[in-house]
Amino acid sequence: RRPALRSVLTDVPRTIHTGVALVARRGSLRRVIVLTACLGVTLGSVELIAPVSFAHLLGGEDAAAGPFSVLVTLAFLGTAAGSSLAPGITRLLRSSARGIMAARLCAGIAVVGLAAPSFAVAAGAYVVLYLLLGVSGPLSADITHRSVGAEHRATILSVQSLTLQLSGVTAGLTLGPLAQHVSFLTAYVVVGAVLALGASACIRMPVPVPPGDRPLVTSW
């Protein structure tokens, strides 16, 4: 049955309230939202600043257009590769939380590498950054799904999406001007610090294990 538009609109406040209440009550969800906000800052900043910084490295927008398009393609492939590596990293570190923390800390280092004066180094750091973010994505989803029942998962995913967008917009409005008026390095260092601080949310992250699930990738 297709709901009427009026019922959908009147249901929006209740859905928002439910999502916020769930996040407020459950420690694992609060930490996932922190991780999501840090991801939004990273993506919002890098996707705004990186094209300009690579153009500076390569001698202008026209010269950088071709190489940067290839680089973006490699970065997306890196994200896919990172996602495929996530289960193995989880088994190696014995929890999703540890996997996220390791990936985000390394990503914090990689993002600073984008300010390198060498195109090869900056390009490598760009691809590695997206590979590491690809690792943490499925692991964050694993914790989210273990922390909330099926009836509320769509609501929590909506809260995460809103958090990602709001943090990305905030980063664009603040770190974009910082890169323009101070330096690319300063902006990238701030992003790296955000990733590193956000990774601390993974320390002793409490993740419930639903009945029947194997506790393979749950606790710290």
C-alpha atoms as a PDB file:
ATOM      1  CA  ARG A   1       0.000   0.000   0.000  1.00  0.00           C
ATOM      2  CA  ARG A   2       1.316   3.390  -1.014  1.00  0.00           C
ATOM      3  CA  PRO A   3       1.041   5.965   1.790  1.00  0.00           C
ATOM      4  CA  ALA A   4      -0.494   9.353   1.155  1.00  0.00           C
ATOM      5  CA  LEU A   5       1.809  12.365   0.950  1.00  0.00           C
ATOM      6  CA  ARG A   6       0.177  13.920   3.999  1.00  0.00           C
ATOM      7  CA  SER A   7       0.841  10.848   6.153  1.00  0.00           C
ATOM      8  CA  VAL A   8       4.477  10.785   5.031  1.00  0.00           C
ATOM      9  CA  LEU A   9       4.976  14.453   5.938  1.00  0.00           C
ATOM     10  CA  THR A  10       3.264  14.148   9.317  1.00  0.00           C
ATOM     11  CA  ASP A  11       5.423  11.105  10.090  1.00  0.00           C
ATOM     12  CA  VAL A  12       8.688  13.013   9.584  1.00  0.00           C
ATOM     13  CA  PRO A  13       8.861  14.607  13.083  1.00  0.00           C
ATOM     14  CA  ARG A  14       8.142  11.248  14.740  1.00  0.00           C
ATOM     15  CA  THR A  15      10.829   9.549  12.680  1.00  0.00           C
ATOM     16  CA  ILE A  16      13.391  12.238  13.561  1.00  0.00           C
ATOM     17  CA  HIS A  17      12.479  11.985  17.240  1.00  0.00           C
ATOM     18  CA  THR A  18      12.817   8.195  17.147  1.00  0.00           C
ATOM     19  CA  GLY A  19      16.219   8.352  15.479  1.00  0.00           C
ATOM     20  CA  VAL A  20      17.601  10.986  17.859  1.00  0.00           C
ATOM     21  CA  ALA A  21      16.257   9.097  20.870  1.00  0.00           C
ATOM     22  CA  LEU A  22      17.865   5.840  19.745  1.00  0.00           C
ATOM     23  CA  VAL A  23      21.224   7.526  19.210  1.00  0.00           C
ATOM     24  CA  ALA A  24      21.002   9.274  22.586  1.00  0.00           C
ATOM     25  CA  ARG A  25      20.215   6.050  24.457  1.00  0.00           C
ATOM     26  CA  ARG A  26      22.766   3.698  22.913  1.00  0.00           C
ATOM     27  CA  GLY A  27      26.465   4.288  23.349  1.00  0.00           C
ATOM     28  CA  SER A  28      27.496   2.370  20.255  1.00  0.00           C
ATOM     29  CA  LEU A  29      25.185   4.461  18.065  1.00  0.00           C
ATOM     30  CA  ARG A  30      26.477   7.712  19.572  1.00  0.00           C
ATOM     31  CA  ARG A  31      29.986   6.660  18.669  1.00  0.00           C
ATOM     32  CA  VAL A  32      28.973   5.652  15.153  1.00  0.00           C
ATOM     33  CA  ILE A  33      27.445   9.112  14.681  1.00  0.00           C
ATOM     34  CA  VAL A  34      30.736  10.680  15.815  1.00  0.00           C
ATOM     35  CA  LEU A  35      32.572   8.541  13.260  1.00  0.00           C
ATOM     36  CA  THR A  36      30.043   9.556  10.605  1.00  0.00           C
ATOM     37  CA  ALA A  37      30.517  13.246  11.383  1.00  0.00           C
ATOM     38  CA  CYS A  38      34.290  12.873  11.060  1.00  0.00           C
ATOM     39  CA  LEU A  39      33.819  11.093   7.741  1.00  0.00           C
ATOM     40  CA  GLY A  40      31.611  13.942   6.541  1.00  0.00           C
ATOM     41  CA  VAL A  41      34.287  16.480   7.462  1.00  0.00           C
ATOM     42  CA  THR A  42      36.884  14.437   5.595  1.00  0.00           C
ATOM     43  CA  LEU A  43      34.878  13.912   2.418  1.00  0.00           C
ATOM     44  CA  GLY A  44      33.490  17.453   2.372  1.00  0.00           C
ATOM     45  CA  SER A  45      36.970  18.924   2.748  1.00  0.00           C
ATOM     46  CA  VAL A  46      38.943  16.629   0.468  1.00  0.00           C
ATOM     47  CA  GLU A  47      36.420  16.718  -2.362  1.00  0.00           C
ATOM     48  CA  LEU A  48      36.438  20.517  -2.213  1.00  0.00           C
ATOM     49  CA  ILE A  49      40.149  21.158  -1.697  1.00  0.00           C
ATOM     50  CA  ALA A  50      41.895  18.288  -3.516  1.00  0.00           C
ATOM     51  CA  PRO A  51      40.973  19.366  -7.082  1.00  0.00           C
ATOM     52  CA  VAL A  52      42.429  22.809  -6.386  1.00  0.00           C
ATOM     53  CA  SER A  53      45.588  21.525  -4.705  1.00  0.00           C
ATOM     54  CA  PHE A  54      46.265  19.081  -7.548  1.00  0.00           C
ATOM     55  CA  ALA A  55      45.695  21.859 -10.069  1.00  0.00           C
ATOM     56  CA  HIS A  56      48.385  23.863  -8.285  1.00  0.00           C
ATOM     57  CA  LEU A  57      50.737  20.871  -8.443  1.00  0.00           C
ATOM     58  CA  LEU A  58      50.151  20.237 -12.144  1.00  0.00           C
ATOM     59  CA  GLY A  59      50.211  23.815 -13.409  1.00  0.00           C
ATOM     60  CA  GLY A  60      46.550  24.730 -13.729  1.00  0.00           C
ATOM     61  CA  GLU A  61      43.058  23.351 -14.090  1.00  0.00           C
ATOM     62  CA  ASP A  62      43.403  22.368 -17.745  1.00  0.00           C
ATOM     63  CA  ALA A  63      46.618  20.446 -17.129  1.00  0.00           C
ATOM     64  CA  ALA A  64      45.163  18.715 -14.063  1.00  0.00           C
ATOM     65  CA  ALA A  65      41.791  17.709 -15.529  1.00  0.00           C
ATOM     66  CA  GLY A  66      42.956  14.486 -17.195  1.00  0.00           C
ATOM     67  CA  PRO A  67      45.282  13.200 -14.451  1.00  0.00           C
ATOM     68  CA  PHE A  68      42.787  14.063 -11.711  1.00  0.00           C
ATOM     69  CA  SER A  69      39.967  12.208 -13.447  1.00  0.00           C
ATOM     70  CA  VAL A  70      42.162   9.092 -13.547  1.00  0.00           C
ATOM     71  CA  LEU A  71      43.068   9.656  -9.902  1.00  0.00           C
ATOM     72  CA  VAL A  72      39.421   9.859  -8.862  1.00  0.00           C
ATOM     73  CA  THR A  73      38.735   6.590 -10.682  1.00  0.00           C
ATOM     74  CA  LEU A  74      41.630   4.932  -8.847  1.00  0.00           C
ATOM     75  CA  ALA A  75      40.311   6.321  -5.566  1.00  0.00           C
ATOM     76  CA  PHE A  76      36.893   4.734  -6.140  1.00  0.00           C
ATOM     77  CA  LEU A  77      38.596   1.445  -6.975  1.00  0.00           C
ATOM     78  CA  GLY A  78      40.579   1.892  -3.767  1.00  0.00           C
ATOM     79  CA  THR A  79      37.357   2.297  -1.810  1.00  0.00           C
ATOM     80  CA  ALA A  80      36.042  -0.943  -3.278  1.00  0.00           C
ATOM     81  CA  ALA A  81      39.304  -2.708  -2.477  1.00  0.00           C
ATOM     82  CA  GLY A  82      39.228  -1.395   1.071  1.00  0.00           C
ATOM     83  CA  SER A  83      35.692  -2.669   1.552  1.00  0.00           C
ATOM     84  CA  SER A  84      36.748  -6.125   0.376  1.00  0.00           C
ATOM     85  CA  LEU A  85      39.654  -6.085   2.853  1.00  0.00           C
ATOM     86  CA  ALA A  86      37.428  -5.155   5.815  1.00  0.00           C
ATOM     87  CA  PRO A  87      36.456  -8.708   6.872  1.00  0.00           C
ATOM     88  CA  GLY A  88      40.080  -9.873   6.872  1.00  0.00           C
ATOM     89  CA  ILE A  89      41.210  -6.836   8.871  1.00  0.00           C
ATOM     90  CA  THR A  90      38.418  -7.490  11.355  1.00  0.00           C
ATOM     91  CA  ARG A  91      39.539 -11.087  11.829  1.00  0.00           C
ATOM     92  CA  LEU A  92      43.150  -9.963  12.193  1.00  0.00           C
ATOM     93  CA  LEU A  93      42.354  -7.304  14.830  1.00  0.00           C
ATOM     94  CA  ARG A  94      39.521  -9.347  16.368  1.00  0.00           C
ATOM     95  CA  SER A  95      36.872  -6.615  16.301  1.00  0.00           C
ATOM     96  CA  SER A  96      35.185  -4.120  13.994  1.00  0.00           C
ATOM     97  CA  ALA A  97      35.985  -1.270  16.374  1.00  0.00           C
ATOM     98  CA  ARG A  98      39.710  -1.948  16.241  1.00  0.00           C
ATOM     99  CA  GLY A  99      39.546  -2.180  12.464  1.00  0.00           C
ATOM    100  CA  ILE A 100      37.829   1.199  12.219  1.00  0.00           C
ATOM    101  CA  MET A 101      40.280   2.804  14.617  1.00  0.00           C
ATOM    102  CA  ALA A 102      43.331   1.505  12.747  1.00  0.00           C
ATOM    103  CA  ALA A 103      41.906   2.563   9.372  1.00  0.00           C
ATOM    104  CA  ARG A 104      40.923   6.037  10.555  1.00  0.00           C
ATOM    105  CA  LEU A 105      44.275   6.710  12.253  1.00  0.00           C
ATOM    106  CA  CYS A 106      46.134   5.701   9.086  1.00  0.00           C
ATOM    107  CA  ALA A 107      43.690   7.783   7.019  1.00  0.00           C
ATOM    108  CA  GLY A 108      44.542  10.779   9.205  1.00  0.00           C
ATOM    109  CA  ILE A 109      48.182  10.389   8.151  1.00  0.00           C
ATOM    110  CA  ALA A 110      47.285   9.820   4.503  1.00  0.00           C
ATOM    111  CA  VAL A 111      45.193  12.984   4.247  1.00  0.00           C
ATOM    112  CA  VAL A 112      48.170  15.107   5.347  1.00  0.00           C
ATOM    113  CA  GLY A 113      50.125  13.510   2.503  1.00  0.00           C
ATOM    114  CA  LEU A 114      47.814  15.263   0.053  1.00  0.00           C
ATOM    115  CA  ALA A 115      49.770  18.444   0.757  1.00  0.00           C
ATOM    116  CA  ALA A 116      53.042  16.912  -0.490  1.00  0.00           C
ATOM    117  CA  PRO A 117      54.869  18.966  -3.135  1.00  0.00           C
ATOM    118  CA  SER A 118      55.269  15.852  -5.309  1.00  0.00           C
ATOM    119  CA  PHE A 119      52.331  14.795  -7.475  1.00  0.00           C
ATOM    120  CA  ALA A 120      53.259  11.114  -7.144  1.00  0.00           C
ATOM    121  CA  VAL A 121      53.262  11.280  -3.346  1.00  0.00           C
ATOM    122  CA  ALA A 122      50.047  13.316  -3.156  1.00  0.00           C
ATOM    123  CA  ALA A 123      48.321  11.016  -5.656  1.00  0.00           C
ATOM    124  CA  GLY A 124      49.374   7.938  -3.714  1.00  0.00           C
ATOM    125  CA  ALA A 125      48.108   9.480  -0.491  1.00  0.00           C
ATOM    126  CA  TYR A 126      44.792  10.293  -2.188  1.00  0.00           C
ATOM    127  CA  VAL A 127      44.204   6.707  -3.282  1.00  0.00           C
ATOM    128  CA  VAL A 128      45.343   5.293   0.077  1.00  0.00           C
ATOM    129  CA  LEU A 129      42.999   7.666   1.890  1.00  0.00           C
ATOM    130  CA  TYR A 130      39.969   6.376   0.021  1.00  0.00           C
ATOM    131  CA  LEU A 131      41.128   2.780   0.421  1.00  0.00           C
ATOM    132  CA  LEU A 132      41.269   3.252   4.209  1.00  0.00           C
ATOM    133  CA  LEU A 133      37.885   4.954   4.297  1.00  0.00           C
ATOM    134  CA  GLY A 134      36.604   1.977   2.325  1.00  0.00           C
ATOM    135  CA  VAL A 135      37.847  -0.336   5.074  1.00  0.00           C
ATOM    136  CA  SER A 136      36.004   1.529   7.816  1.00  0.00           C
ATOM    137  CA  GLY A 137      32.698   1.779   5.930  1.00  0.00           C
ATOM    138  CA  PRO A 138      31.509  -1.850   6.180  1.00  0.00           C
ATOM    139  CA  LEU A 139      32.820  -2.114   9.737  1.00  0.00           C
ATOM    140  CA  SER A 140      30.775   0.919  10.836  1.00  0.00           C
ATOM    141  CA  ALA A 141      27.754  -0.630   9.135  1.00  0.00           C
ATOM    142  CA  ASP A 142      28.384  -3.880  11.012  1.00  0.00           C
ATOM    143  CA  ILE A 143      28.308  -2.064  14.357  1.00  0.00           C
ATOM    144  CA  THR A 144      25.218  -0.080  13.364  1.00  0.00           C
ATOM    145  CA  HIS A 145      23.266  -3.186  12.377  1.00  0.00           C
ATOM    146  CA  ARG A 146      24.252  -4.969  15.576  1.00  0.00           C
ATOM    147  CA  SER A 147      23.207  -1.993  17.682  1.00  0.00           C
ATOM    148  CA  VAL A 148      19.629  -1.562  16.463  1.00  0.00           C
ATOM    149  CA  GLY A 149      16.759  -3.821  15.467  1.00  0.00           C
ATOM    150  CA  ALA A 150      15.562  -4.244  11.902  1.00  0.00           C
ATOM    151  CA  GLU A 151      12.515  -2.029  12.521  1.00  0.00           C
ATOM    152  CA  HIS A 152      14.729   1.024  13.226  1.00  0.00           C
ATOM    153  CA  ARG A 153      17.719   0.465  10.961  1.00  0.00           C
ATOM    154  CA  ALA A 154      16.371   2.619   8.132  1.00  0.00           C
ATOM    155  CA  THR A 155      15.779   5.444  10.623  1.00  0.00           C
ATOM    156  CA  ILE A 156      19.331   5.238  11.959  1.00  0.00           C
ATOM    157  CA  LEU A 157      20.737   5.172   8.429  1.00  0.00           C
ATOM    158  CA  SER A 158      18.776   8.364   7.734  1.00  0.00           C
ATOM    159  CA  VAL A 159      20.270   9.980  10.854  1.00  0.00           C
ATOM    160  CA  GLN A 160      23.733   8.942   9.654  1.00  0.00           C
ATOM    161  CA  SER A 161      23.066  10.363   6.197  1.00  0.00           C
ATOM    162  CA  LEU A 162      21.908  13.681   7.630  1.00  0.00           C
ATOM    163  CA  THR A 163      24.955  13.808   9.909  1.00  0.00           C
ATOM    164  CA  LEU A 164      27.257  13.095   6.982  1.00  0.00           C
ATOM    165  CA  GLN A 165      25.748  15.881   4.884  1.00  0.00           C
ATOM    166  CA  LEU A 166      25.658  18.485   7.660  1.00  0.00           C
ATOM    167  CA  SER A 167      29.250  17.823   8.686  1.00  0.00           C
ATOM    168  CA  GLY A 168      30.344  17.934   5.049  1.00  0.00           C
ATOM    169  CA  VAL A 169      28.669  21.292   4.506  1.00  0.00           C
ATOM    170  CA  THR A 170      30.209  22.662   7.714  1.00  0.00           C
ATOM    171  CA  ALA A 171      33.661  21.478   6.634  1.00  0.00           C
ATOM    172  CA  GLY A 172      33.257  23.066   3.225  1.00  0.00           C
ATOM    173  CA  LEU A 173      32.295  26.412   4.742  1.00  0.00           C
ATOM    174  CA  THR A 174      35.218  26.432   7.193  1.00  0.00           C
ATOM    175  CA  LEU A 175      38.116  24.411   5.799  1.00  0.00           C
ATOM    176  CA  GLY A 176      37.676  25.650   2.234  1.00  0.00           C
ATOM    177  CA  PRO A 177      38.426  29.258   3.242  1.00  0.00           C
ATOM    178  CA  LEU A 178      41.214  27.985   5.531  1.00  0.00           C
ATOM    179  CA  ALA A 179      42.929  26.323   2.575  1.00  0.00           C
ATOM    180  CA  GLN A 180      42.412  29.425   0.448  1.00  0.00           C
ATOM    181  CA  HIS A 181      43.639  32.023   2.920  1.00  0.00           C
ATOM    182  CA  VAL A 182      46.220  30.060   4.927  1.00  0.00           C
ATOM    183  CA  SER A 183      47.473  26.908   3.163  1.00  0.00           C
ATOM    184  CA  PHE A 184      46.464  23.522   1.846  1.00  0.00           C
ATOM    185  CA  LEU A 185      48.699  21.888   4.444  1.00  0.00           C
ATOM    186  CA  THR A 186      46.910  23.602   7.320  1.00  0.00           C
ATOM    187  CA  ALA A 187      43.513  22.475   6.071  1.00  0.00           C
ATOM    188  CA  TYR A 188      44.676  18.896   5.540  1.00  0.00           C
ATOM    189  CA  VAL A 189      46.280  18.796   8.996  1.00  0.00           C
ATOM    190  CA  VAL A 190      42.966  19.859  10.532  1.00  0.00           C
ATOM    191  CA  VAL A 191      41.180  17.082   8.633  1.00  0.00           C
ATOM    192  CA  GLY A 192      43.799  14.574   9.791  1.00  0.00           C
ATOM    193  CA  ALA A 193      43.331  15.712  13.380  1.00  0.00           C
ATOM    194  CA  VAL A 194      39.557  15.298  13.069  1.00  0.00           C
ATOM    195  CA  LEU A 195      40.019  11.737  11.810  1.00  0.00           C
ATOM    196  CA  ALA A 196      42.452  10.899  14.597  1.00  0.00           C
ATOM    197  CA  LEU A 197      40.262  12.376  17.331  1.00  0.00           C
ATOM    198  CA  GLY A 198      37.190  10.682  15.914  1.00  0.00           C
ATOM    199  CA  ALA A 199      38.990   7.338  15.929  1.00  0.00           C
ATOM    200  CA  SER A 200      39.145   7.549  19.722  1.00  0.00           C
ATOM    201  CA  ALA A 201      35.385   6.894  19.716  1.00  0.00           C
ATOM    202  CA  CYS A 202      36.270   3.270  18.933  1.00  0.00           C
ATOM    203  CA  ILE A 203      38.068   2.721  22.242  1.00  0.00           C
ATOM    204  CA  ARG A 204      36.067   0.206  24.292  1.00  0.00           C
ATOM    205  CA  MET A 205      33.082   0.683  22.031  1.00  0.00           C
ATOM    206  CA  PRO A 206      30.095  -1.198  23.494  1.00  0.00           C
ATOM    207  CA  VAL A 207      28.370  -3.269  20.819  1.00  0.00           C
ATOM    208  CA  PRO A 208      25.520  -5.620  21.771  1.00  0.00           C
ATOM    209  CA  VAL A 209      25.327  -9.037  20.154  1.00  0.00           C
ATOM    210  CA  PRO A 210      21.797  -9.877  18.964  1.00  0.00           C
ATOM    211  CA  PRO A 211      20.583 -13.386  19.862  1.00  0.00           C
ATOM    212  CA  GLY A 212      21.841 -15.993  17.396  1.00  0.00           C
ATOM    213  CA  ASP A 213      24.680 -13.830  16.075  1.00  0.00           C
ATOM    214  CA  ARG A 214      28.267 -14.947  16.397  1.00  0.00           C
ATOM    215  CA  PRO A 215      30.304 -12.502  18.542  1.00  0.00           C
ATOM    216  CA  LEU A 216      33.120 -12.421  15.968  1.00  0.00           C
ATOM    217  CA  VAL A 217      33.419  -8.701  15.256  1.00  0.00           C
ATOM    218  CA  THR A 218      31.649  -6.985  18.117  1.00  0.00           C
ATOM    219  CA  SER A 219      33.615  -5.807  21.127  1.00  0.00           C
ATOM    220  CA  TRP A 220      36.858  -3.863  21.485  1.00  0.00           C
END
